[in-house]
Amino acid sequence: MTDTLVGYDVSDGIAVLTLTDPPANTYSYDMMRRLDALVLEARMDDTVHVIVLRGAGEKFFCAGADIRMLSSAAPRFKYYFCLHANETLSRLEQTPKLVIAAINGHCVGGGLEVAMAADLRWARKGAGKIGLPEVNLGVLPGTGGTQRLTRLVGKARAIELMATGRLFDFEEAAALGLVSSVVEAPDADTFLARVKEKAREFAPPGRASKAVGAIKRAVQTGSEVAFQDALSLERELQQQLFESEDAREGIAANIEKRKPVFKGR
């Protein structure tokens, strides 16, 4: 496992995780192990309120799994590789902190599967294409793609996009609900700066990040269980928030007719 495969930087309450394997930021088992470890690190760090996931460079967010690695790997390894990748993305999805995929370039195959495990997907306008072309390799999107795409765009559209394997631009992805926002930026560095600026809107002191995280968990988990179980989860999360410093501050500020100052606690 190489530390350079996924960069990690924390500032102003935002953890930026950068997939780094030029030229296309394809992921290997080692990269997924590193990403898995950093997801846990960001989860446990009380100074981190928002996680931003991006790709290194100007051209790719991520082009998915390393095809050359898969072509030479044994079937048993490939199975466990896919299983671990699924576990890593589920851990990212279930972490009670907002996760933003900053799509700074082409986001295809497993790269889109990684991005779909984020809560929001913000893409740099004109920077690349997006899609799940695995059918052209004779396989299916095997890192949650068939399930997450269906939940985002609906059954018929998901089947069409995966069965054709076509790639499309970020504006079409936004119209489908696959991309949350398309951001104008002249280069990847400016794009990241704008993403971080927008991400700070979800962090203290302006936003109660603990409440944002609870909203995420209520939606991500609640949408996958029976309705009454989801309501039970919602109540438990609400009770946790009632006991938080931020809830006391928010309620007091409302009564006192002032702007709340949240701490994420």
C-alpha atoms as a PDB file:
ATOM      1  CA  MET A   1       0.000   0.000   0.000  1.00  0.00           C
ATOM      2  CA  THR A   2       1.549   3.303  -1.140  1.00  0.00           C
ATOM      3  CA  ASP A   3       0.697   6.559   0.589  1.00  0.00           C
ATOM      4  CA  THR A   4       1.057   8.490  -2.672  1.00  0.00           C
ATOM      5  CA  LEU A   5      -1.823   6.605  -4.342  1.00  0.00           C
ATOM      6  CA  VAL A   6      -4.362   8.735  -2.475  1.00  0.00           C
ATOM      7  CA  GLY A   7      -3.357  12.181  -1.278  1.00  0.00           C
ATOM      8  CA  TYR A   8      -4.814  13.543   1.955  1.00  0.00           C
ATOM      9  CA  ASP A   9      -5.044  17.167   3.022  1.00  0.00           C
ATOM     10  CA  VAL A  10      -7.155  18.769   5.744  1.00  0.00           C
ATOM     11  CA  SER A  11      -7.806  22.510   6.010  1.00  0.00           C
ATOM     12  CA  ASP A  12     -10.714  24.678   7.159  1.00  0.00           C
ATOM     13  CA  GLY A  13     -12.726  21.615   8.158  1.00  0.00           C
ATOM     14  CA  ILE A  14     -12.477  19.981   4.727  1.00  0.00           C
ATOM     15  CA  ALA A  15     -10.557  16.771   3.988  1.00  0.00           C
ATOM     16  CA  VAL A  16      -9.491  16.482   0.345  1.00  0.00           C
ATOM     17  CA  LEU A  17      -8.753  12.944  -0.860  1.00  0.00           C
ATOM     18  CA  THR A  18      -6.955  12.864  -4.221  1.00  0.00           C
ATOM     19  CA  LEU A  19      -6.830   9.692  -6.341  1.00  0.00           C
ATOM     20  CA  THR A  20      -3.323   9.709  -7.827  1.00  0.00           C
ATOM     21  CA  ASP A  21      -2.239   7.206 -10.449  1.00  0.00           C
ATOM     22  CA  PRO A  22      -1.437   8.942 -13.745  1.00  0.00           C
ATOM     23  CA  PRO A  23      -2.430   9.132 -16.460  1.00  0.00           C
ATOM     24  CA  ALA A  24      -6.027   8.054 -15.716  1.00  0.00           C
ATOM     25  CA  ASN A  25      -6.090   7.608 -11.907  1.00  0.00           C
ATOM     26  CA  THR A  26      -7.165   3.992 -12.265  1.00  0.00           C
ATOM     27  CA  TYR A  27      -7.563   2.152  -8.994  1.00  0.00           C
ATOM     28  CA  SER A  28      -5.824  -0.964  -7.794  1.00  0.00           C
ATOM     29  CA  TYR A  29      -6.193  -3.017  -4.632  1.00  0.00           C
ATOM     30  CA  ASP A  30      -3.449  -0.923  -3.030  1.00  0.00           C
ATOM     31  CA  MET A  31      -5.238   2.317  -3.920  1.00  0.00           C
ATOM     32  CA  MET A  32      -8.511   1.017  -2.489  1.00  0.00           C
ATOM     33  CA  ARG A  33      -6.773  -0.036   0.722  1.00  0.00           C
ATOM     34  CA  ARG A  34      -5.313   3.470   1.031  1.00  0.00           C
ATOM     35  CA  LEU A  35      -8.692   5.081   0.274  1.00  0.00           C
ATOM     36  CA  ASP A  36     -10.367   2.806   2.818  1.00  0.00           C
ATOM     37  CA  ALA A  37      -7.877   3.844   5.512  1.00  0.00           C
ATOM     38  CA  LEU A  38      -8.308   7.547   4.742  1.00  0.00           C
ATOM     39  CA  VAL A  39     -12.095   7.337   4.803  1.00  0.00           C
ATOM     40  CA  LEU A  40     -11.794   5.985   8.345  1.00  0.00           C
ATOM     41  CA  GLU A  41      -9.238   8.663   9.253  1.00  0.00           C
ATOM     42  CA  ALA A  42     -11.535  11.436   8.034  1.00  0.00           C
ATOM     43  CA  ARG A  43     -14.507   9.817   9.760  1.00  0.00           C
ATOM     44  CA  MET A  44     -12.729   9.760  13.116  1.00  0.00           C
ATOM     45  CA  ASP A  45     -11.244  13.280  12.848  1.00  0.00           C
ATOM     46  CA  ASP A  46     -13.496  15.747  14.670  1.00  0.00           C
ATOM     47  CA  THR A  47     -11.893  18.648  12.782  1.00  0.00           C
ATOM     48  CA  VAL A  48     -13.174  17.240   9.462  1.00  0.00           C
ATOM     49  CA  HIS A  49     -16.737  18.253   8.595  1.00  0.00           C
ATOM     50  CA  VAL A  50     -16.815  17.684   4.814  1.00  0.00           C
ATOM     51  CA  ILE A  51     -14.927  15.202   2.607  1.00  0.00           C
ATOM     52  CA  VAL A  52     -14.013  16.112  -0.980  1.00  0.00           C
ATOM     53  CA  LEU A  53     -12.904  13.327  -3.328  1.00  0.00           C
ATOM     54  CA  ARG A  54     -11.081  14.239  -6.552  1.00  0.00           C
ATOM     55  CA  GLY A  55      -8.622  12.950  -9.133  1.00  0.00           C
ATOM     56  CA  ALA A  56      -5.110  14.276  -9.672  1.00  0.00           C
ATOM     57  CA  GLY A  57      -4.370  16.302 -12.796  1.00  0.00           C
ATOM     58  CA  GLU A  58      -6.538  17.917 -15.457  1.00  0.00           C
ATOM     59  CA  LYS A  59      -7.878  15.009 -17.512  1.00  0.00           C
ATOM     60  CA  PHE A  60      -9.327  12.318 -15.255  1.00  0.00           C
ATOM     61  CA  PHE A  61     -11.306  12.026 -12.071  1.00  0.00           C
ATOM     62  CA  CYS A  62     -10.906   8.271 -12.389  1.00  0.00           C
ATOM     63  CA  ALA A  63     -11.121   5.790 -15.254  1.00  0.00           C
ATOM     64  CA  GLY A  64     -12.031   2.899 -12.980  1.00  0.00           C
ATOM     65  CA  ALA A  65     -10.152  -0.277 -12.151  1.00  0.00           C
ATOM     66  CA  ASP A  66      -6.734  -0.981 -13.623  1.00  0.00           C
ATOM     67  CA  ILE A  67      -7.665  -3.193 -16.609  1.00  0.00           C
ATOM     68  CA  ARG A  68      -4.129  -4.560 -17.042  1.00  0.00           C
ATOM     69  CA  MET A  69      -4.138  -5.676 -13.421  1.00  0.00           C
ATOM     70  CA  LEU A  70      -7.505  -7.377 -13.876  1.00  0.00           C
ATOM     71  CA  SER A  71      -6.401  -9.090 -17.096  1.00  0.00           C
ATOM     72  CA  SER A  72      -3.595 -10.928 -15.311  1.00  0.00           C
ATOM     73  CA  ALA A  73      -5.210 -11.513 -11.903  1.00  0.00           C
ATOM     74  CA  ALA A  74      -6.675 -14.836 -10.806  1.00  0.00           C
ATOM     75  CA  PRO A  75     -10.504 -15.063 -10.603  1.00  0.00           C
ATOM     76  CA  ARG A  76     -10.352 -15.447  -6.813  1.00  0.00           C
ATOM     77  CA  PHE A  77      -8.300 -12.246  -6.487  1.00  0.00           C
ATOM     78  CA  LYS A  78     -10.686 -10.364  -8.766  1.00  0.00           C
ATOM     79  CA  TYR A  79     -13.654 -11.444  -6.644  1.00  0.00           C
ATOM     80  CA  TYR A  80     -12.077 -10.278  -3.391  1.00  0.00           C
ATOM     81  CA  PHE A  81     -10.818  -7.107  -5.086  1.00  0.00           C
ATOM     82  CA  CYS A  82     -14.394  -6.245  -6.083  1.00  0.00           C
ATOM     83  CA  LEU A  83     -15.683  -7.190  -2.628  1.00  0.00           C
ATOM     84  CA  HIS A  84     -13.192  -4.900  -0.888  1.00  0.00           C
ATOM     85  CA  ALA A  85     -13.931  -2.048  -3.298  1.00  0.00           C
ATOM     86  CA  ASN A  86     -17.633  -2.450  -2.489  1.00  0.00           C
ATOM     87  CA  GLU A  87     -16.873  -2.391   1.233  1.00  0.00           C
ATOM     88  CA  THR A  88     -14.731   0.730   0.853  1.00  0.00           C
ATOM     89  CA  LEU A  89     -17.396   2.642  -1.070  1.00  0.00           C
ATOM     90  CA  SER A  90     -20.088   1.550   1.376  1.00  0.00           C
ATOM     91  CA  ARG A  91     -17.918   2.862   4.214  1.00  0.00           C
ATOM     92  CA  LEU A  92     -17.600   6.181   2.378  1.00  0.00           C
ATOM     93  CA  GLU A  93     -21.354   6.249   1.779  1.00  0.00           C
ATOM     94  CA  GLN A  94     -22.192   5.494   5.412  1.00  0.00           C
ATOM     95  CA  THR A  95     -19.718   7.936   6.981  1.00  0.00           C
ATOM     96  CA  PRO A  96     -21.859  10.590   8.741  1.00  0.00           C
ATOM     97  CA  LYS A  97     -20.097  13.480   7.030  1.00  0.00           C
ATOM     98  CA  LEU A  98     -21.027  15.057   3.714  1.00  0.00           C
ATOM     99  CA  VAL A  99     -18.981  13.629   0.826  1.00  0.00           C
ATOM    100  CA  ILE A 100     -18.566  15.602  -2.402  1.00  0.00           C
ATOM    101  CA  ALA A 101     -17.094  14.085  -5.555  1.00  0.00           C
ATOM    102  CA  ALA A 102     -15.262  16.892  -7.360  1.00  0.00           C
ATOM    103  CA  ILE A 103     -15.288  15.527 -10.918  1.00  0.00           C
ATOM    104  CA  ASN A 104     -12.409  17.375 -12.555  1.00  0.00           C
ATOM    105  CA  GLY A 105     -12.115  15.211 -15.680  1.00  0.00           C
ATOM    106  CA  HIS A 106     -13.342  12.009 -17.306  1.00  0.00           C
ATOM    107  CA  CYS A 107     -15.352   9.932 -14.843  1.00  0.00           C
ATOM    108  CA  VAL A 108     -16.012   6.538 -16.382  1.00  0.00           C
ATOM    109  CA  GLY A 109     -16.502   2.931 -15.377  1.00  0.00           C
ATOM    110  CA  GLY A 110     -15.369   2.285 -11.841  1.00  0.00           C
ATOM    111  CA  GLY A 111     -14.547   5.974 -11.533  1.00  0.00           C
ATOM    112  CA  LEU A 112     -18.230   6.802 -11.804  1.00  0.00           C
ATOM    113  CA  GLU A 113     -18.977   4.008  -9.353  1.00  0.00           C
ATOM    114  CA  VAL A 114     -16.654   5.732  -6.873  1.00  0.00           C
ATOM    115  CA  ALA A 115     -18.316   9.094  -7.518  1.00  0.00           C
ATOM    116  CA  MET A 116     -21.798   7.642  -7.045  1.00  0.00           C
ATOM    117  CA  ALA A 117     -20.857   6.636  -3.492  1.00  0.00           C
ATOM    118  CA  ALA A 118     -20.506  10.348  -2.700  1.00  0.00           C
ATOM    119  CA  ASP A 119     -23.506  12.374  -1.558  1.00  0.00           C
ATOM    120  CA  LEU A 120     -23.053  15.157  -4.101  1.00  0.00           C
ATOM    121  CA  ARG A 121     -21.284  15.174  -7.466  1.00  0.00           C
ATOM    122  CA  TRP A 122     -19.972  18.506  -8.731  1.00  0.00           C
ATOM    123  CA  ALA A 123     -18.387  18.416 -12.188  1.00  0.00           C
ATOM    124  CA  ARG A 124     -16.115  20.884 -13.970  1.00  0.00           C
ATOM    125  CA  LYS A 125     -17.869  22.091 -17.120  1.00  0.00           C
ATOM    126  CA  GLY A 126     -16.405  20.732 -20.345  1.00  0.00           C
ATOM    127  CA  ALA A 127     -13.709  18.747 -18.542  1.00  0.00           C
ATOM    128  CA  GLY A 128     -14.672  15.281 -19.748  1.00  0.00           C
ATOM    129  CA  LYS A 129     -17.230  12.542 -20.227  1.00  0.00           C
ATOM    130  CA  ILE A 130     -19.121  10.336 -17.809  1.00  0.00           C
ATOM    131  CA  GLY A 131     -20.658   6.882 -18.089  1.00  0.00           C
ATOM    132  CA  LEU A 132     -20.449   3.147 -17.416  1.00  0.00           C
ATOM    133  CA  PRO A 133     -18.968   1.406 -20.501  1.00  0.00           C
ATOM    134  CA  GLU A 134     -18.213  -1.966 -18.857  1.00  0.00           C
ATOM    135  CA  VAL A 135     -20.517  -3.792 -21.299  1.00  0.00           C
ATOM    136  CA  ASN A 136     -17.864  -3.141 -23.967  1.00  0.00           C
ATOM    137  CA  LEU A 137     -15.505  -5.379 -21.958  1.00  0.00           C
ATOM    138  CA  GLY A 138     -18.138  -8.091 -21.656  1.00  0.00           C
ATOM    139  CA  VAL A 139     -18.770  -7.376 -17.972  1.00  0.00           C
ATOM    140  CA  LEU A 140     -21.107  -5.287 -15.819  1.00  0.00           C
ATOM    141  CA  PRO A 141     -20.361  -2.360 -13.481  1.00  0.00           C
ATOM    142  CA  GLY A 142     -19.328  -4.473 -10.497  1.00  0.00           C
ATOM    143  CA  THR A 143     -18.521  -1.950  -7.790  1.00  0.00           C
ATOM    144  CA  GLY A 144     -22.060  -0.899  -6.985  1.00  0.00           C
ATOM    145  CA  GLY A 145     -22.758   0.663 -10.374  1.00  0.00           C
ATOM    146  CA  THR A 146     -25.854  -1.352 -11.267  1.00  0.00           C
ATOM    147  CA  GLN A 147     -27.436  -0.532  -7.905  1.00  0.00           C
ATOM    148  CA  ARG A 148     -26.429   3.082  -7.332  1.00  0.00           C
ATOM    149  CA  LEU A 149     -27.158   4.211 -10.890  1.00  0.00           C
ATOM    150  CA  THR A 150     -30.624   2.631 -10.679  1.00  0.00           C
ATOM    151  CA  ARG A 151     -31.337   4.495  -7.441  1.00  0.00           C
ATOM    152  CA  LEU A 152     -30.184   7.777  -8.975  1.00  0.00           C
ATOM    153  CA  VAL A 153     -31.843   7.731 -12.410  1.00  0.00           C
ATOM    154  CA  GLY A 154     -34.455   4.937 -12.305  1.00  0.00           C
ATOM    155  CA  LYS A 155     -34.544   1.402 -13.699  1.00  0.00           C
ATOM    156  CA  ALA A 156     -35.219   1.985 -17.396  1.00  0.00           C
ATOM    157  CA  ARG A 157     -32.685   4.796 -17.810  1.00  0.00           C
ATOM    158  CA  ALA A 158     -30.047   2.901 -15.803  1.00  0.00           C
ATOM    159  CA  ILE A 159     -30.451  -0.213 -17.967  1.00  0.00           C
ATOM    160  CA  GLU A 160     -30.238   1.872 -21.135  1.00  0.00           C
ATOM    161  CA  LEU A 161     -27.081   3.688 -20.036  1.00  0.00           C
ATOM    162  CA  MET A 162     -25.316   0.503 -18.927  1.00  0.00           C
ATOM    163  CA  ALA A 163     -26.494  -1.705 -21.807  1.00  0.00           C
ATOM    164  CA  THR A 164     -25.312   0.817 -24.417  1.00  0.00           C
ATOM    165  CA  GLY A 165     -22.206   1.767 -22.435  1.00  0.00           C
ATOM    166  CA  ARG A 166     -22.302   5.227 -23.959  1.00  0.00           C
ATOM    167  CA  LEU A 167     -20.399   8.177 -22.548  1.00  0.00           C
ATOM    168  CA  PHE A 168     -22.017  11.613 -22.272  1.00  0.00           C
ATOM    169  CA  ASP A 169     -21.237  15.117 -21.078  1.00  0.00           C
ATOM    170  CA  PHE A 170     -21.754  16.550 -17.613  1.00  0.00           C
ATOM    171  CA  GLU A 171     -24.718  18.691 -18.651  1.00  0.00           C
ATOM    172  CA  GLU A 172     -26.673  15.609 -19.684  1.00  0.00           C
ATOM    173  CA  ALA A 173     -25.594  13.931 -16.452  1.00  0.00           C
ATOM    174  CA  ALA A 174     -26.982  16.903 -14.529  1.00  0.00           C
ATOM    175  CA  ALA A 175     -30.285  16.687 -16.426  1.00  0.00           C
ATOM    176  CA  LEU A 176     -30.508  13.005 -15.448  1.00  0.00           C
ATOM    177  CA  GLY A 177     -29.822  13.803 -11.785  1.00  0.00           C
ATOM    178  CA  LEU A 178     -26.508  11.961 -11.883  1.00  0.00           C
ATOM    179  CA  VAL A 179     -24.480  15.143 -11.391  1.00  0.00           C
ATOM    180  CA  SER A 180     -25.617  17.653  -8.768  1.00  0.00           C
ATOM    181  CA  SER A 181     -23.947  20.751 -10.209  1.00  0.00           C
ATOM    182  CA  VAL A 182     -21.816  21.762 -13.200  1.00  0.00           C
ATOM    183  CA  VAL A 183     -19.196  24.337 -12.232  1.00  0.00           C
ATOM    184  CA  GLU A 184     -17.398  26.708 -14.599  1.00  0.00           C
ATOM    185  CA  ALA A 185     -13.639  26.783 -14.026  1.00  0.00           C
ATOM    186  CA  PRO A 186     -10.677  27.368 -16.382  1.00  0.00           C
ATOM    187  CA  ASP A 187      -8.546  24.617 -14.844  1.00  0.00           C
ATOM    188  CA  ALA A 188      -8.577  21.851 -12.251  1.00  0.00           C
ATOM    189  CA  ASP A 189      -6.954  23.945  -9.509  1.00  0.00           C
ATOM    190  CA  THR A 190      -9.534  26.708  -9.850  1.00  0.00           C
ATOM    191  CA  PHE A 191     -12.259  24.090  -9.889  1.00  0.00           C
ATOM    192  CA  LEU A 192     -10.983  22.583  -6.632  1.00  0.00           C
ATOM    193  CA  ALA A 193     -10.832  26.041  -5.038  1.00  0.00           C
ATOM    194  CA  ARG A 194     -14.455  26.686  -6.038  1.00  0.00           C
ATOM    195  CA  VAL A 195     -15.552  23.269  -4.788  1.00  0.00           C
ATOM    196  CA  LYS A 196     -13.877  23.890  -1.431  1.00  0.00           C
ATOM    197  CA  GLU A 197     -15.484  27.322  -1.203  1.00  0.00           C
ATOM    198  CA  LYS A 198     -18.915  25.782  -1.786  1.00  0.00           C
ATOM    199  CA  ALA A 199     -18.120  22.892   0.552  1.00  0.00           C
ATOM    200  CA  ARG A 200     -17.462  25.332   3.402  1.00  0.00           C
ATOM    201  CA  GLU A 201     -21.160  26.218   3.275  1.00  0.00           C
ATOM    202  CA  PHE A 202     -21.768  22.828   4.903  1.00  0.00           C
ATOM    203  CA  ALA A 203     -19.220  23.352   7.702  1.00  0.00           C
ATOM    204  CA  PRO A 204     -19.213  25.344  10.953  1.00  0.00           C
ATOM    205  CA  PRO A 205     -19.691  28.073  11.928  1.00  0.00           C
ATOM    206  CA  GLY A 206     -22.376  28.642   9.298  1.00  0.00           C
ATOM    207  CA  ARG A 207     -23.812  25.125   9.186  1.00  0.00           C
ATOM    208  CA  ALA A 208     -24.406  22.463  11.808  1.00  0.00           C
ATOM    209  CA  SER A 209     -22.302  19.730  10.213  1.00  0.00           C
ATOM    210  CA  LYS A 210     -23.411  17.162  12.783  1.00  0.00           C
ATOM    211  CA  ALA A 211     -26.986  17.685  11.605  1.00  0.00           C
ATOM    212  CA  VAL A 212     -25.868  17.464   7.966  1.00  0.00           C
ATOM    213  CA  GLY A 213     -24.207  14.136   8.737  1.00  0.00           C
ATOM    214  CA  ALA A 214     -27.327  12.845  10.478  1.00  0.00           C
ATOM    215  CA  ILE A 215     -29.487  13.902   7.520  1.00  0.00           C
ATOM    216  CA  LYS A 216     -27.134  11.975   5.250  1.00  0.00           C
ATOM    217  CA  ARG A 217     -27.338   8.836   7.395  1.00  0.00           C
ATOM    218  CA  ALA A 218     -31.138   9.069   7.622  1.00  0.00           C
ATOM    219  CA  VAL A 219     -31.375   9.250   3.828  1.00  0.00           C
ATOM    220  CA  GLN A 220     -28.632   6.778   2.879  1.00  0.00           C
ATOM    221  CA  THR A 221     -29.689   4.098   5.344  1.00  0.00           C
ATOM    222  CA  GLY A 222     -33.370   4.923   5.672  1.00  0.00           C
ATOM    223  CA  SER A 223     -34.007   4.625   1.943  1.00  0.00           C
ATOM    224  CA  GLU A 224     -32.785   1.015   2.005  1.00  0.00           C
ATOM    225  CA  VAL A 225     -34.930  -0.330   4.874  1.00  0.00           C
ATOM    226  CA  ALA A 226     -38.629  -0.663   5.649  1.00  0.00           C
ATOM    227  CA  PHE A 227     -40.454   2.635   6.222  1.00  0.00           C
ATOM    228  CA  GLN A 228     -41.156   2.069   9.915  1.00  0.00           C
ATOM    229  CA  ASP A 229     -37.519   1.096  10.484  1.00  0.00           C
ATOM    230  CA  ALA A 230     -36.462   4.252   8.674  1.00  0.00           C
ATOM    231  CA  LEU A 231     -38.687   6.351  10.931  1.00  0.00           C
ATOM    232  CA  SER A 232     -37.118   4.666  13.946  1.00  0.00           C
ATOM    233  CA  LEU A 233     -33.639   5.519  12.661  1.00  0.00           C
ATOM    234  CA  GLU A 234     -34.750   9.102  12.058  1.00  0.00           C
ATOM    235  CA  ARG A 235     -35.970   9.405  15.665  1.00  0.00           C
ATOM    236  CA  GLU A 236     -32.727   8.000  17.052  1.00  0.00           C
ATOM    237  CA  LEU A 237     -30.652  10.406  14.995  1.00  0.00           C
ATOM    238  CA  GLN A 238     -32.883  13.295  16.017  1.00  0.00           C
ATOM    239  CA  GLN A 239     -32.442  12.395  19.685  1.00  0.00           C
ATOM    240  CA  GLN A 240     -28.672  12.423  19.242  1.00  0.00           C
ATOM    241  CA  LEU A 241     -28.928  15.880  17.701  1.00  0.00           C
ATOM    242  CA  PHE A 242     -31.180  17.180  20.497  1.00  0.00           C
ATOM    243  CA  GLU A 243     -28.337  16.334  22.879  1.00  0.00           C
ATOM    244  CA  SER A 244     -25.720  18.182  20.785  1.00  0.00           C
ATOM    245  CA  GLU A 245     -24.156  21.580  21.406  1.00  0.00           C
ATOM    246  CA  ASP A 246     -25.201  22.724  17.953  1.00  0.00           C
ATOM    247  CA  ALA A 247     -28.884  22.011  18.588  1.00  0.00           C
ATOM    248  CA  ARG A 248     -28.759  24.012  21.800  1.00  0.00           C
ATOM    249  CA  GLU A 249     -27.030  26.836  19.944  1.00  0.00           C
ATOM    250  CA  GLY A 250     -29.449  26.722  17.012  1.00  0.00           C
ATOM    251  CA  ILE A 251     -32.541  26.802  19.211  1.00  0.00           C
ATOM    252  CA  ALA A 252     -31.108  29.566  21.418  1.00  0.00           C
ATOM    253  CA  ALA A 253     -30.125  31.665  18.400  1.00  0.00           C
ATOM    254  CA  ASN A 254     -33.607  31.312  16.945  1.00  0.00           C
ATOM    255  CA  ILE A 255     -35.228  32.498  20.186  1.00  0.00           C
ATOM    256  CA  GLU A 256     -32.721  35.336  20.542  1.00  0.00           C
ATOM    257  CA  LYS A 257     -33.191  36.401  16.905  1.00  0.00           C
ATOM    258  CA  ARG A 258     -29.489  36.092  16.034  1.00  0.00           C
ATOM    259  CA  LYS A 259     -27.360  34.083  13.634  1.00  0.00           C
ATOM    260  CA  PRO A 260     -26.210  30.773  15.158  1.00  0.00           C
ATOM    261  CA  VAL A 261     -22.524  29.973  15.488  1.00  0.00           C
ATOM    262  CA  PHE A 262     -22.149  26.215  15.076  1.00  0.00           C
ATOM    263  CA  LYS A 263     -19.171  24.096  16.173  1.00  0.00           C
ATOM    264  CA  GLY A 264     -19.997  20.722  14.660  1.00  0.00           C
ATOM    265  CA  ARG A 265     -20.500  19.230  18.103  1.00  0.00           C
END
